[in-house]
Every structure is written in C-alpha cells, then in structure tokens.
Amino acid sequence: MSARRDREEVSAMDEARLSAHERRVLAEIEEQLSQDASLARRLRTMRRTPRLPVPSLARARRRLPSLGVVALGVMTLALFVLAVDTEAPALIWAFASVWVLTLVTALLLALRWAKRRGAETRTDE
C-alpha cells in the first residue's frame, strides 16, 4: 500500500506545473545566481570527485613517512639510553640532533595529516 501511495504522490508531482509568474520569478532567481562568481566557485569546489582505488604502491608510499617517524623515534630512544648510560658527549649530541629531527618530522607529518583531513571534510559537506 505504501508503494502505491508513493507512485500516486510522484504522479501528482509530475502533473504540478509552474504558472507563468512562477516561471518568470524562477528565471530571475537563476539569472541572479548565475552572475554570482563566488557562489559558482564555491559550488564547483563542493563537487565530489569519484575516488579511484589506490594501488598498493601508492598506499605503501603513504605509510612510508609514518614508518620513518617511528624509525627515528626508535633511534632517538636508543641514543637516549646509550647517552645516559655512557655519558659520552658525542652520544648526547647525537641524541639531541636525532631528537630534534624526530620532532620536526613528526610535526610535518601531523600538519600534512590535518590538512588532508580538512580537505576531506570540506568536500564531504
């Protein structure tokens, strides 16, 4: 019974026509909207592009920076333990250098991730 009622509503909508005055008002609105360049730009950027499947190589390249940060983190931890144990100035300086490099790399990775997430949420709206 619900499907029958839906078909009746659709057929009633098909029969509804706009009057001449309504068509004229609609044409004026469409004309004004077509002249708005900023609206047209926003509508263009809102279109979602179909996502293509990501090949495994591209997926691996995407994981590569995070694996690099993990490797730097492990190296930083190892140098920290060695520097504390031996108190050698060379190991302390090596730890400090790798630690700064790890922080900068992690920050850049986080910024890239946040930028990508922001772009995805804008296209989803």
PDB file of N, CA and C in Angstrom:
ATOM      1  N   MET A   1       0.829  -1.198   0.000  1.00  0.00           N
ATOM      2  CA  MET A   1       0.000   0.000   0.000  1.00  0.00           C
ATOM      3  C   MET A   1       0.873   1.262   0.000  1.00  0.00           C
ATOM      4  N   SER A   2       1.980   1.212   0.682  1.00  0.00           N
ATOM      5  CA  SER A   2       2.874   2.354   0.744  1.00  0.00           C
ATOM      6  C   SER A   2       3.476   2.662  -0.624  1.00  0.00           C
ATOM      7  N   ALA A   3       3.847   1.619  -1.363  1.00  0.00           N
ATOM      8  CA  ALA A   3       4.414   1.814  -2.701  1.00  0.00           C
ATOM      9  C   ALA A   3       3.386   2.457  -3.613  1.00  0.00           C
ATOM     10  N   ARG A   4       2.119   2.066  -3.475  1.00  0.00           N
ATOM     11  CA  ARG A   4       1.048   2.649  -4.308  1.00  0.00           C
ATOM     12  C   ARG A   4       0.888   4.133  -4.004  1.00  0.00           C
ATOM     13  N   ARG A   5       0.938   4.464  -2.703  1.00  0.00           N
ATOM     14  CA  ARG A   5       0.793   5.866  -2.316  1.00  0.00           C
ATOM     15  C   ARG A   5       1.975   6.682  -2.834  1.00  0.00           C
ATOM     16  N   ASP A   6       3.200   6.116  -2.784  1.00  0.00           N
ATOM     17  CA  ASP A   6       4.380   6.802  -3.313  1.00  0.00           C
ATOM     18  C   ASP A   6       4.231   7.073  -4.799  1.00  0.00           C
ATOM     19  N   ARG A   7       3.723   6.081  -5.561  1.00  0.00           N
ATOM     20  CA  ARG A   7       3.534   6.271  -7.004  1.00  0.00           C
ATOM     21  C   ARG A   7       2.504   7.365  -7.271  1.00  0.00           C
ATOM     22  N   GLU A   8       1.453   7.421  -6.434  1.00  0.00           N
ATOM     23  CA  GLU A   8       0.433   8.453  -6.611  1.00  0.00           C
ATOM     24  C   GLU A   8       1.020   9.833  -6.339  1.00  0.00           C
ATOM     25  N   GLU A   9       1.872   9.936  -5.306  1.00  0.00           N
ATOM     26  CA  GLU A   9       2.486  11.226  -4.998  1.00  0.00           C
ATOM     27  C   GLU A   9       3.422  11.667  -6.118  1.00  0.00           C
ATOM     28  N   VAL A  10       4.191  10.732  -6.675  1.00  0.00           N
ATOM     29  CA  VAL A  10       5.102  11.065  -7.766  1.00  0.00           C
ATOM     30  C   VAL A  10       4.313  11.515  -8.982  1.00  0.00           C
ATOM     31  N   SER A  11       3.226  10.817  -9.288  1.00  0.00           N
ATOM     32  CA  SER A  11       2.437  11.215 -10.454  1.00  0.00           C
ATOM     33  C   SER A  11       1.773  12.569 -10.211  1.00  0.00           C
ATOM     34  N   ALA A  12       1.389  12.858  -8.971  1.00  0.00           N
ATOM     35  CA  ALA A  12       0.818  14.166  -8.666  1.00  0.00           C
ATOM     36  C   ALA A  12       1.875  15.252  -8.823  1.00  0.00           C
ATOM     37  N   MET A  13       3.127  14.951  -8.459  1.00  0.00           N
ATOM     38  CA  MET A  13       4.200  15.924  -8.621  1.00  0.00           C
ATOM     39  C   MET A  13       4.501  16.154 -10.092  1.00  0.00           C
ATOM     40  N   ASP A  14       4.408  15.101 -10.900  1.00  0.00           N
ATOM     41  CA  ASP A  14       4.655  15.251 -12.330  1.00  0.00           C
ATOM     42  C   ASP A  14       3.608  16.152 -12.969  1.00  0.00           C
ATOM     43  N   GLU A  15       2.389  16.088 -12.459  1.00  0.00           N
ATOM     44  CA  GLU A  15       1.309  16.885 -13.026  1.00  0.00           C
ATOM     45  C   GLU A  15       1.387  18.342 -12.597  1.00  0.00           C
ATOM     46  N   ALA A  16       2.044  18.638 -11.475  1.00  0.00           N
ATOM     47  CA  ALA A  16       2.128  20.014 -10.990  1.00  0.00           C
ATOM     48  C   ALA A  16       3.019  20.821 -11.929  1.00  0.00           C
ATOM     49  N   ARG A  17       2.525  21.904 -12.417  1.00  0.00           N
ATOM     50  CA  ARG A  17       3.260  22.788 -13.319  1.00  0.00           C
ATOM     51  C   ARG A  17       3.353  24.172 -12.686  1.00  0.00           C
ATOM     52  N   LEU A  18       4.381  24.892 -13.081  1.00  0.00           N
ATOM     53  CA  LEU A  18       4.534  26.260 -12.597  1.00  0.00           C
ATOM     54  C   LEU A  18       3.721  27.209 -13.455  1.00  0.00           C
ATOM     55  N   SER A  19       3.172  28.200 -12.795  1.00  0.00           N
ATOM     56  CA  SER A  19       2.454  29.224 -13.547  1.00  0.00           C
ATOM     57  C   SER A  19       3.451  30.115 -14.277  1.00  0.00           C
ATOM     58  N   ALA A  20       2.960  30.957 -15.160  1.00  0.00           N
ATOM     59  CA  ALA A  20       3.843  31.851 -15.918  1.00  0.00           C
ATOM     60  C   ALA A  20       4.597  32.787 -14.971  1.00  0.00           C
ATOM     61  N   HIS A  21       3.900  33.294 -13.964  1.00  0.00           N
ATOM     62  CA  HIS A  21       4.533  34.185 -12.991  1.00  0.00           C
ATOM     63  C   HIS A  21       5.634  33.454 -12.228  1.00  0.00           C
ATOM     64  N   GLU A  22       5.370  32.208 -11.789  1.00  0.00           N
ATOM     65  CA  GLU A  22       6.360  31.429 -11.060  1.00  0.00           C
ATOM     66  C   GLU A  22       7.578  31.100 -11.932  1.00  0.00           C
ATOM     67  N   ARG A  23       7.337  30.790 -13.193  1.00  0.00           N
ATOM     68  CA  ARG A  23       8.448  30.519 -14.105  1.00  0.00           C
ATOM     69  C   ARG A  23       9.304  31.764 -14.299  1.00  0.00           C
ATOM     70  N   ARG A  24       8.662  32.945 -14.393  1.00  0.00           N
ATOM     71  CA  ARG A  24       9.390  34.186 -14.569  1.00  0.00           C
ATOM     72  C   ARG A  24      10.242  34.495 -13.332  1.00  0.00           C
ATOM     73  N   VAL A  25       9.653  34.313 -12.131  1.00  0.00           N
ATOM     74  CA  VAL A  25      10.390  34.554 -10.891  1.00  0.00           C
ATOM     75  C   VAL A  25      11.566  33.584 -10.782  1.00  0.00           C
ATOM     76  N   LEU A  26      11.337  32.314 -11.126  1.00  0.00           N
ATOM     77  CA  LEU A  26      12.401  31.323 -11.086  1.00  0.00           C
ATOM     78  C   LEU A  26      13.520  31.668 -12.071  1.00  0.00           C
ATOM     79  N   ALA A  27      13.167  32.126 -13.247  1.00  0.00           N
ATOM     80  CA  ALA A  27      14.170  32.516 -14.240  1.00  0.00           C
ATOM     81  C   ALA A  27      14.996  33.706 -13.738  1.00  0.00           C
ATOM     82  N   GLU A  28      14.346  34.661 -13.056  1.00  0.00           N
ATOM     83  CA  GLU A  28      15.073  35.806 -12.499  1.00  0.00           C
ATOM     84  C   GLU A  28      16.054  35.359 -11.410  1.00  0.00           C
ATOM     85  N   ILE A  29      15.599  34.447 -10.563  1.00  0.00           N
ATOM     86  CA  ILE A  29      16.470  33.947  -9.495  1.00  0.00           C
ATOM     87  C   ILE A  29      17.669  33.222 -10.093  1.00  0.00           C
ATOM     88  N   GLU A  30      17.418  32.366 -11.088  1.00  0.00           N
ATOM     89  CA  GLU A  30      18.509  31.640 -11.728  1.00  0.00           C
ATOM     90  C   GLU A  30      19.486  32.589 -12.406  1.00  0.00           C
ATOM     91  N   GLU A  31      18.977  33.650 -13.011  1.00  0.00           N
ATOM     92  CA  GLU A  31      19.837  34.637 -13.663  1.00  0.00           C
ATOM     93  C   GLU A  31      20.724  35.338 -12.642  1.00  0.00           C
ATOM     94  N   GLN A  32      20.133  35.731 -11.504  1.00  0.00           N
ATOM     95  CA  GLN A  32      20.926  36.398 -10.465  1.00  0.00           C
ATOM     96  C   GLN A  32      21.985  35.464  -9.893  1.00  0.00           C
ATOM     97  N   LEU A  33      21.628  34.195  -9.688  1.00  0.00           N
ATOM     98  CA  LEU A  33      22.584  33.231  -9.151  1.00  0.00           C
ATOM     99  C   LEU A  33      23.705  32.934 -10.138  1.00  0.00           C
ATOM    100  N   SER A  34      23.401  32.913 -11.425  1.00  0.00           N
ATOM    101  CA  SER A  34      24.436  32.620 -12.417  1.00  0.00           C
ATOM    102  C   SER A  34      25.450  33.756 -12.533  1.00  0.00           C
ATOM    103  N   GLN A  35      25.085  34.967 -12.118  1.00  0.00           N
ATOM    104  CA  GLN A  35      26.004  36.102 -12.178  1.00  0.00           C
ATOM    105  C   GLN A  35      26.910  36.189 -10.948  1.00  0.00           C
ATOM    106  N   ASP A  36      26.614  35.401  -9.916  1.00  0.00           N
ATOM    107  CA  ASP A  36      27.410  35.418  -8.686  1.00  0.00           C
ATOM    108  C   ASP A  36      28.623  34.512  -8.853  1.00  0.00           C
ATOM    109  N   ALA A  37      29.780  35.112  -9.088  1.00  0.00           N
ATOM    110  CA  ALA A  37      31.002  34.347  -9.356  1.00  0.00           C
ATOM    111  C   ALA A  37      31.479  33.579  -8.121  1.00  0.00           C
ATOM    112  N   SER A  38      31.366  34.183  -6.937  1.00  0.00           N
ATOM    113  CA  SER A  38      31.844  33.493  -5.732  1.00  0.00           C
ATOM    114  C   SER A  38      30.980  32.270  -5.421  1.00  0.00           C
ATOM    115  N   LEU A  39      29.688  32.383  -5.664  1.00  0.00           N
ATOM    116  CA  LEU A  39      28.804  31.229  -5.462  1.00  0.00           C
ATOM    117  C   LEU A  39      29.148  30.113  -6.443  1.00  0.00           C
ATOM    118  N   ALA A  40      29.392  30.474  -7.692  1.00  0.00           N
ATOM    119  CA  ALA A  40      29.743  29.476  -8.700  1.00  0.00           C
ATOM    120  C   ALA A  40      31.049  28.778  -8.324  1.00  0.00           C
ATOM    121  N   ARG A  41      32.022  29.528  -7.799  1.00  0.00           N
ATOM    122  CA  ARG A  41      33.292  28.938  -7.392  1.00  0.00           C
ATOM    123  C   ARG A  41      33.092  27.978  -6.226  1.00  0.00           C
ATOM    124  N   ARG A  42      32.285  28.391  -5.239  1.00  0.00           N
ATOM    125  CA  ARG A  42      32.021  27.514  -4.095  1.00  0.00           C
ATOM    126  C   ARG A  42      31.280  26.254  -4.514  1.00  0.00           C
ATOM    127  N   LEU A  43      30.341  26.391  -5.430  1.00  0.00           N
ATOM    128  CA  LEU A  43      29.605  25.210  -5.884  1.00  0.00           C
ATOM    129  C   LEU A  43      30.513  24.272  -6.666  1.00  0.00           C
ATOM    130  N   ARG A  44      31.443  24.821  -7.425  1.00  0.00           N
ATOM    131  CA  ARG A  44      32.384  23.979  -8.175  1.00  0.00           C
ATOM    132  C   ARG A  44      33.276  23.183  -7.240  1.00  0.00           C
ATOM    133  N   THR A  45      33.734  23.808  -6.155  1.00  0.00           N
ATOM    134  CA  THR A  45      34.632  23.118  -5.243  1.00  0.00           C
ATOM    135  C   THR A  45      33.900  22.127  -4.358  1.00  0.00           C
ATOM    136  N   MET A  46      32.591  22.220  -4.273  1.00  0.00           N
ATOM    137  CA  MET A  46      31.824  21.289  -3.456  1.00  0.00           C
ATOM    138  C   MET A  46      31.601  19.963  -4.164  1.00  0.00           C
ATOM    139  N   ARG A  47      31.792  19.914  -5.447  1.00  0.00           N
ATOM    140  CA  ARG A  47      31.559  18.669  -6.177  1.00  0.00           C
ATOM    141  C   ARG A  47      32.550  17.617  -5.720  1.00  0.00           C
ATOM    142  N   ARG A  48      32.028  16.439  -5.487  1.00  0.00           N
ATOM    143  CA  ARG A  48      32.905  15.333  -5.093  1.00  0.00           C
ATOM    144  C   ARG A  48      33.390  14.620  -6.328  1.00  0.00           C
ATOM    145  N   THR A  49      34.663  14.378  -6.364  1.00  0.00           N
ATOM    146  CA  THR A  49      35.216  13.620  -7.467  1.00  0.00           C
ATOM    147  C   THR A  49      35.214  12.153  -7.066  1.00  0.00           C
ATOM    148  N   PRO A  50      34.926  11.282  -7.997  1.00  0.00           N
ATOM    149  CA  PRO A  50      34.930   9.863  -7.641  1.00  0.00           C
ATOM    150  C   PRO A  50      36.334   9.424  -7.256  1.00  0.00           C
ATOM    151  N   ARG A  51      36.406   8.654  -6.204  1.00  0.00           N
ATOM    152  CA  ARG A  51      37.708   8.198  -5.733  1.00  0.00           C
ATOM    153  C   ARG A  51      38.092   6.919  -6.457  1.00  0.00           C
ATOM    154  N   LEU A  52      39.273   6.936  -6.980  1.00  0.00           N
ATOM    155  CA  LEU A  52      39.794   5.766  -7.658  1.00  0.00           C
ATOM    156  C   LEU A  52      40.484   4.869  -6.639  1.00  0.00           C
ATOM    157  N   PRO A  53      40.481   3.579  -6.866  1.00  0.00           N
ATOM    158  CA  PRO A  53      41.184   2.706  -5.921  1.00  0.00           C
ATOM    159  C   PRO A  53      42.673   3.026  -5.892  1.00  0.00           C
ATOM    160  N   VAL A  54      43.228   3.033  -4.709  1.00  0.00           N
ATOM    161  CA  VAL A  54      44.639   3.378  -4.543  1.00  0.00           C
ATOM    162  C   VAL A  54      45.467   2.117  -4.764  1.00  0.00           C
ATOM    163  N   PRO A  55      46.393   2.151  -5.703  1.00  0.00           N
ATOM    164  CA  PRO A  55      47.262   0.977  -5.895  1.00  0.00           C
ATOM    165  C   PRO A  55      48.093   0.717  -4.655  1.00  0.00           C
ATOM    166  N   SER A  56      48.548  -0.514  -4.516  1.00  0.00           N
ATOM    167  CA  SER A  56      49.281  -0.893  -3.311  1.00  0.00           C
ATOM    168  C   SER A  56      50.583  -0.108  -3.165  1.00  0.00           C
ATOM    169  N   LEU A  57      51.243   0.239  -4.269  1.00  0.00           N
ATOM    170  CA  LEU A  57      52.475   1.010  -4.189  1.00  0.00           C
ATOM    171  C   LEU A  57      52.212   2.399  -3.625  1.00  0.00           C
ATOM    172  N   ALA A  58      51.128   3.040  -4.074  1.00  0.00           N
ATOM    173  CA  ALA A  58      50.786   4.367  -3.561  1.00  0.00           C
ATOM    174  C   ALA A  58      50.412   4.280  -2.085  1.00  0.00           C
ATOM    175  N   ARG A  59      49.732   3.202  -1.694  1.00  0.00           N
ATOM    176  CA  ARG A  59      49.370   3.016  -0.300  1.00  0.00           C
ATOM    177  C   ARG A  59      50.634   2.842   0.546  1.00  0.00           C
ATOM    178  N   ALA A  60      51.595   2.119   0.012  1.00  0.00           N
ATOM    179  CA  ALA A  60      52.856   1.917   0.732  1.00  0.00           C
ATOM    180  C   ALA A  60      53.615   3.237   0.864  1.00  0.00           C
ATOM    181  N   ARG A  61      53.585   4.067  -0.180  1.00  0.00           N
ATOM    182  CA  ARG A  61      54.265   5.369  -0.107  1.00  0.00           C
ATOM    183  C   ARG A  61      53.619   6.269   0.922  1.00  0.00           C
ATOM    184  N   ARG A  62      52.304   6.121   1.091  1.00  0.00           N
ATOM    185  CA  ARG A  62      51.607   6.930   2.075  1.00  0.00           C
ATOM    186  C   ARG A  62      52.023   6.530   3.484  1.00  0.00           C
ATOM    187  N   ARG A  63      52.315   5.250   3.712  1.00  0.00           N
ATOM    188  CA  ARG A  63      52.736   4.775   5.026  1.00  0.00           C
ATOM    189  C   ARG A  63      54.202   5.078   5.301  1.00  0.00           C
ATOM    190  N   LEU A  64      54.981   5.309   4.265  1.00  0.00           N
ATOM    191  CA  LEU A  64      56.422   5.481   4.401  1.00  0.00           C
ATOM    192  C   LEU A  64      56.809   6.615   5.357  1.00  0.00           C
ATOM    193  N   PRO A  65      56.211   7.807   5.291  1.00  0.00           N
ATOM    194  CA  PRO A  65      56.617   8.860   6.233  1.00  0.00           C
ATOM    195  C   PRO A  65      56.351   8.476   7.685  1.00  0.00           C
ATOM    196  N   SER A  66      55.235   7.814   7.971  1.00  0.00           N
ATOM    197  CA  SER A  66      54.961   7.444   9.357  1.00  0.00           C
ATOM    198  C   SER A  66      55.939   6.379   9.837  1.00  0.00           C
ATOM    199  N   LEU A  67      56.350   5.469   8.943  1.00  0.00           N
ATOM    200  CA  LEU A  67      57.360   4.487   9.322  1.00  0.00           C
ATOM    201  C   LEU A  67      58.697   5.160   9.579  1.00  0.00           C
ATOM    202  N   GLY A  68      58.996   6.212   8.830  1.00  0.00           N
ATOM    203  CA  GLY A  68      60.225   6.972   9.052  1.00  0.00           C
ATOM    204  C   GLY A  68      60.234   7.637  10.418  1.00  0.00           C
ATOM    205  N   VAL A  69      59.087   8.174  10.813  1.00  0.00           N
ATOM    206  CA  VAL A  69      58.997   8.813  12.131  1.00  0.00           C
ATOM    207  C   VAL A  69      59.161   7.761  13.223  1.00  0.00           C
ATOM    208  N   VAL A  70      58.580   6.600  13.025  1.00  0.00           N
ATOM    209  CA  VAL A  70      58.729   5.526  14.013  1.00  0.00           C
ATOM    210  C   VAL A  70      60.201   5.100  14.105  1.00  0.00           C
ATOM    211  N   ALA A  71      60.859   4.958  12.960  1.00  0.00           N
ATOM    212  CA  ALA A  71      62.281   4.581  12.963  1.00  0.00           C
ATOM    213  C   ALA A  71      63.123   5.645  13.671  1.00  0.00           C
ATOM    214  N   LEU A  72      62.842   6.912  13.407  1.00  0.00           N
ATOM    215  CA  LEU A  72      63.567   7.986  14.096  1.00  0.00           C
ATOM    216  C   LEU A  72      63.292   7.948  15.597  1.00  0.00           C
ATOM    217  N   GLY A  73      62.074   7.642  15.972  1.00  0.00           N
ATOM    218  CA  GLY A  73      61.740   7.545  17.394  1.00  0.00           C
ATOM    219  C   GLY A  73      62.494   6.437  18.088  1.00  0.00           C
ATOM    220  N   VAL A  74      62.582   5.280  17.420  1.00  0.00           N
ATOM    221  CA  VAL A  74      63.344   4.161  17.992  1.00  0.00           C
ATOM    222  C   VAL A  74      64.822   4.531  18.111  1.00  0.00           C
ATOM    223  N   MET A  75      65.362   5.196  17.074  1.00  0.00           N
ATOM    224  CA  MET A  75      66.760   5.610  17.114  1.00  0.00           C
ATOM    225  C   MET A  75      66.987   6.632  18.228  1.00  0.00           C
ATOM    226  N   THR A  76      66.043   7.537  18.414  1.00  0.00           N
ATOM    227  CA  THR A  76      66.159   8.536  19.475  1.00  0.00           C
ATOM    228  C   THR A  76      66.181   7.861  20.836  1.00  0.00           C
ATOM    229  N   LEU A  77      65.289   6.895  21.024  1.00  0.00           N
ATOM    230  CA  LEU A  77      65.243   6.192  22.304  1.00  0.00           C
ATOM    231  C   LEU A  77      66.538   5.425  22.569  1.00  0.00           C
ATOM    232  N   ALA A  78      67.056   4.748  21.538  1.00  0.00           N
ATOM    233  CA  ALA A  78      68.304   4.004  21.702  1.00  0.00           C
ATOM    234  C   ALA A  78      69.461   4.941  22.040  1.00  0.00           C
ATOM    235  N   LEU A  79      69.541   6.068  21.332  1.00  0.00           N
ATOM    236  CA  LEU A  79      70.609   7.029  21.625  1.00  0.00           C
ATOM    237  C   LEU A  79      70.462   7.629  23.018  1.00  0.00           C
ATOM    238  N   PHE A  80      69.224   7.839  23.453  1.00  0.00           N
ATOM    239  CA  PHE A  80      68.988   8.382  24.791  1.00  0.00           C
ATOM    240  C   PHE A  80      69.512   7.416  25.858  1.00  0.00           C
ATOM    241  N   VAL A  81      69.170   6.132  25.687  1.00  0.00           N
ATOM    242  CA  VAL A  81      69.618   5.133  26.664  1.00  0.00           C
ATOM    243  C   VAL A  81      71.148   5.047  26.675  1.00  0.00           C
ATOM    244  N   LEU A  82      71.757   5.025  25.487  1.00  0.00           N
ATOM    245  CA  LEU A  82      73.223   4.955  25.420  1.00  0.00           C
ATOM    246  C   LEU A  82      73.874   6.211  25.995  1.00  0.00           C
ATOM    247  N   ALA A  83      73.285   7.388  25.714  1.00  0.00           N
ATOM    248  CA  ALA A  83      73.867   8.647  26.207  1.00  0.00           C
ATOM    249  C   ALA A  83      73.779   8.723  27.724  1.00  0.00           C
ATOM    250  N   VAL A  84      72.674   8.260  28.300  1.00  0.00           N
ATOM    251  CA  VAL A  84      72.535   8.287  29.757  1.00  0.00           C
ATOM    252  C   VAL A  84      73.491   7.280  30.392  1.00  0.00           C
ATOM    253  N   ASP A  85      73.618   6.116  29.758  1.00  0.00           N
ATOM    254  CA  ASP A  85      74.465   5.063  30.328  1.00  0.00           C
ATOM    255  C   ASP A  85      75.948   5.425  30.270  1.00  0.00           C
ATOM    256  N   THR A  86      76.411   5.940  29.148  1.00  0.00           N
ATOM    257  CA  THR A  86      77.848   6.191  28.981  1.00  0.00           C
ATOM    258  C   THR A  86      78.268   7.610  29.313  1.00  0.00           C
ATOM    259  N   GLU A  87      77.367   8.548  29.271  1.00  0.00           N
ATOM    260  CA  GLU A  87      77.632   9.976  29.497  1.00  0.00           C
ATOM    261  C   GLU A  87      78.667  10.522  28.516  1.00  0.00           C
ATOM    262  N   ALA A  88      78.741   9.924  27.335  1.00  0.00           N
ATOM    263  CA  ALA A  88      79.682  10.380  26.306  1.00  0.00           C
ATOM    264  C   ALA A  88      79.097  11.605  25.604  1.00  0.00           C
ATOM    265  N   PRO A  89      79.884  12.688  25.485  1.00  0.00           N
ATOM    266  CA  PRO A  89      79.365  13.900  24.829  1.00  0.00           C
ATOM    267  C   PRO A  89      78.915  13.660  23.380  1.00  0.00           C
ATOM    268  N   ALA A  90      79.599  12.807  22.663  1.00  0.00           N
ATOM    269  CA  ALA A  90      79.219  12.545  21.269  1.00  0.00           C
ATOM    270  C   ALA A  90      77.830  11.904  21.198  1.00  0.00           C
ATOM    271  N   LEU A  91      77.544  10.969  22.111  1.00  0.00           N
ATOM    272  CA  LEU A  91      76.220  10.325  22.121  1.00  0.00           C
ATOM    273  C   LEU A  91      75.126  11.300  22.567  1.00  0.00           C
ATOM    274  N   ILE A  92      75.468  12.172  23.493  1.00  0.00           N
ATOM    275  CA  ILE A  92      74.484  13.169  23.939  1.00  0.00           C
ATOM    276  C   ILE A  92      74.129  14.103  22.785  1.00  0.00           C
ATOM    277  N   TRP A  93      75.142  14.558  22.032  1.00  0.00           N
ATOM    278  CA  TRP A  93      74.884  15.434  20.885  1.00  0.00           C
ATOM    279  C   TRP A  93      74.138  14.682  19.772  1.00  0.00           C
ATOM    280  N   ALA A  94      74.482  13.422  19.562  1.00  0.00           N
ATOM    281  CA  ALA A  94      73.771  12.620  18.557  1.00  0.00           C
ATOM    282  C   ALA A  94      72.312  12.456  18.952  1.00  0.00           C
ATOM    283  N   PHE A  95      72.074  12.185  20.252  1.00  0.00           N
ATOM    284  CA  PHE A  95      70.693  12.068  20.728  1.00  0.00           C
ATOM    285  C   PHE A  95      69.937  13.380  20.518  1.00  0.00           C
ATOM    286  N   ALA A  96      70.560  14.497  20.871  1.00  0.00           N
ATOM    287  CA  ALA A  96      69.892  15.796  20.730  1.00  0.00           C
ATOM    288  C   ALA A  96      69.552  16.078  19.272  1.00  0.00           C
ATOM    289  N   SER A  97      70.454  15.762  18.379  1.00  0.00           N
ATOM    290  CA  SER A  97      70.223  16.015  16.948  1.00  0.00           C
ATOM    291  C   SER A  97      69.088  15.149  16.401  1.00  0.00           C
ATOM    292  N   VAL A  98      69.142  13.868  16.727  1.00  0.00           N
ATOM    293  CA  VAL A  98      68.105  12.960  16.219  1.00  0.00           C
ATOM    294  C   VAL A  98      66.758  13.280  16.858  1.00  0.00           C
ATOM    295  N   TRP A  99      66.769  13.708  18.116  1.00  0.00           N
ATOM    296  CA  TRP A  99      65.525  14.052  18.799  1.00  0.00           C
ATOM    297  C   TRP A  99      64.849  15.248  18.121  1.00  0.00           C
ATOM    298  N   VAL A 100      65.632  16.287  17.788  1.00  0.00           N
ATOM    299  CA  VAL A 100      65.079  17.456  17.085  1.00  0.00           C
ATOM    300  C   VAL A 100      64.549  17.051  15.713  1.00  0.00           C
ATOM    301  N   LEU A 101      65.309  16.237  14.998  1.00  0.00           N
ATOM    302  CA  LEU A 101      64.869  15.764  13.683  1.00  0.00           C
ATOM    303  C   LEU A 101      63.563  14.974  13.787  1.00  0.00           C
ATOM    304  N   THR A 102      63.452  14.151  14.822  1.00  0.00           N
ATOM    305  CA  THR A 102      62.231  13.368  15.035  1.00  0.00           C
ATOM    306  C   THR A 102      61.044  14.282  15.302  1.00  0.00           C
ATOM    307  N   LEU A 103      61.237  15.285  16.147  1.00  0.00           N
ATOM    308  CA  LEU A 103      60.142  16.211  16.457  1.00  0.00           C
ATOM    309  C   LEU A 103      59.687  16.986  15.218  1.00  0.00           C
ATOM    310  N   VAL A 104      60.625  17.482  14.437  1.00  0.00           N
ATOM    311  CA  VAL A 104      60.280  18.242  13.230  1.00  0.00           C
ATOM    312  C   VAL A 104      59.549  17.353  12.230  1.00  0.00           C
ATOM    313  N   THR A 105      60.036  16.141  12.037  1.00  0.00           N
ATOM    314  CA  THR A 105      59.401  15.221  11.092  1.00  0.00           C
ATOM    315  C   THR A 105      58.004  14.846  11.551  1.00  0.00           C
ATOM    316  N   ALA A 106      57.831  14.583  12.839  1.00  0.00           N
ATOM    317  CA  ALA A 106      56.510  14.249  13.368  1.00  0.00           C
ATOM    318  C   ALA A 106      55.548  15.429  13.228  1.00  0.00           C
ATOM    319  N   LEU A 107      56.050  16.636  13.453  1.00  0.00           N
ATOM    320  CA  LEU A 107      55.210  17.819  13.302  1.00  0.00           C
ATOM    321  C   LEU A 107      54.765  17.999  11.848  1.00  0.00           C
ATOM    322  N   LEU A 108      55.684  17.837  10.908  1.00  0.00           N
ATOM    323  CA  LEU A 108      55.332  17.955   9.488  1.00  0.00           C
ATOM    324  C   LEU A 108      54.315  16.888   9.072  1.00  0.00           C
ATOM    325  N   LEU A 109      54.490  15.682   9.584  1.00  0.00           N
ATOM    326  CA  LEU A 109      53.541  14.605   9.285  1.00  0.00           C
ATOM    327  C   LEU A 109      52.170  14.923   9.862  1.00  0.00           C
ATOM    328  N   ALA A 110      52.118  15.451  11.078  1.00  0.00           N
ATOM    329  CA  ALA A 110      50.841  15.817  11.698  1.00  0.00           C
ATOM    330  C   ALA A 110      50.165  16.951  10.933  1.00  0.00           C
ATOM    331  N   LEU A 111      50.931  17.928  10.480  1.00  0.00           N
ATOM    332  CA  LEU A 111      50.356  19.021   9.699  1.00  0.00           C
ATOM    333  C   LEU A 111      49.792  18.520   8.374  1.00  0.00           C
ATOM    334  N   ARG A 112      50.508  17.618   7.703  1.00  0.00           N
ATOM    335  CA  ARG A 112      50.030  17.050   6.450  1.00  0.00           C
ATOM    336  C   ARG A 112      48.740  16.261   6.673  1.00  0.00           C
ATOM    337  N   TRP A 113      48.706  15.502   7.781  1.00  0.00           N
ATOM    338  CA  TRP A 113      47.516  14.720   8.108  1.00  0.00           C
ATOM    339  C   TRP A 113      46.326  15.648   8.377  1.00  0.00           C
ATOM    340  N   ALA A 114      46.548  16.718   9.139  1.00  0.00           N
ATOM    341  CA  ALA A 114      45.467  17.654   9.457  1.00  0.00           C
ATOM    342  C   ALA A 114      44.970  18.364   8.200  1.00  0.00           C
ATOM    343  N   LYS A 115      45.882  18.720   7.310  1.00  0.00           N
ATOM    344  CA  LYS A 115      45.498  19.382   6.061  1.00  0.00           C
ATOM    345  C   LYS A 115      44.655  18.447   5.200  1.00  0.00           C
ATOM    346  N   ARG A 116      45.054  17.177   5.116  1.00  0.00           N
ATOM    347  CA  ARG A 116      44.298  16.201   4.341  1.00  0.00           C
ATOM    348  C   ARG A 116      42.912  15.980   4.938  1.00  0.00           C
ATOM    349  N   ARG A 117      42.842  15.903   6.276  1.00  0.00           N
ATOM    350  CA  ARG A 117      41.543  15.720   6.943  1.00  0.00           C
ATOM    351  C   ARG A 117      40.644  16.928   6.714  1.00  0.00           C
ATOM    352  N   GLY A 118      41.224  18.123   6.741  1.00  0.00           N
ATOM    353  CA  GLY A 118      40.446  19.334   6.493  1.00  0.00           C
ATOM    354  C   GLY A 118      39.905  19.373   5.069  1.00  0.00           C
ATOM    355  N   ALA A 119      40.698  18.964   4.133  1.00  0.00           N
ATOM    356  CA  ALA A 119      40.256  18.928   2.734  1.00  0.00           C
ATOM    357  C   ALA A 119      39.149  17.899   2.536  1.00  0.00           C
ATOM    358  N   GLU A 120      39.231  16.756   3.225  1.00  0.00           N
ATOM    359  CA  GLU A 120      38.208  15.733   3.100  1.00  0.00           C
ATOM    360  C   GLU A 120      36.890  16.203   3.705  1.00  0.00           C
ATOM    361  N   THR A 121      36.928  16.903   4.832  1.00  0.00           N
ATOM    362  CA  THR A 121      35.691  17.355   5.447  1.00  0.00           C
ATOM    363  C   THR A 121      35.037  18.457   4.614  1.00  0.00           C
ATOM    364  N   ARG A 122      35.833  19.292   3.945  1.00  0.00           N
ATOM    365  CA  ARG A 122      35.246  20.332   3.087  1.00  0.00           C
ATOM    366  C   ARG A 122      34.547  19.724   1.888  1.00  0.00           C
ATOM    367  N   THR A 123      35.078  18.663   1.321  1.00  0.00           N
ATOM    368  CA  THR A 123      34.446  18.064   0.136  1.00  0.00           C
ATOM    369  C   THR A 123      33.247  17.217   0.523  1.00  0.00           C
ATOM    370  N   ASP A 124      33.179  16.767   1.795  1.00  0.00           N
ATOM    371  CA  ASP A 124      32.050  15.957   2.233  1.00  0.00           C
ATOM    372  C   ASP A 124      30.810  16.803   2.495  1.00  0.00           C
ATOM    373  N   GLU A 125      30.977  18.075   2.773  1.00  0.00           N
ATOM    374  CA  GLU A 125      29.827  18.926   3.136  1.00  0.00           C
ATOM    375  C   GLU A 125      28.960  19.257   1.959  1.00  0.00           C
TER     376      GLU A 125
END
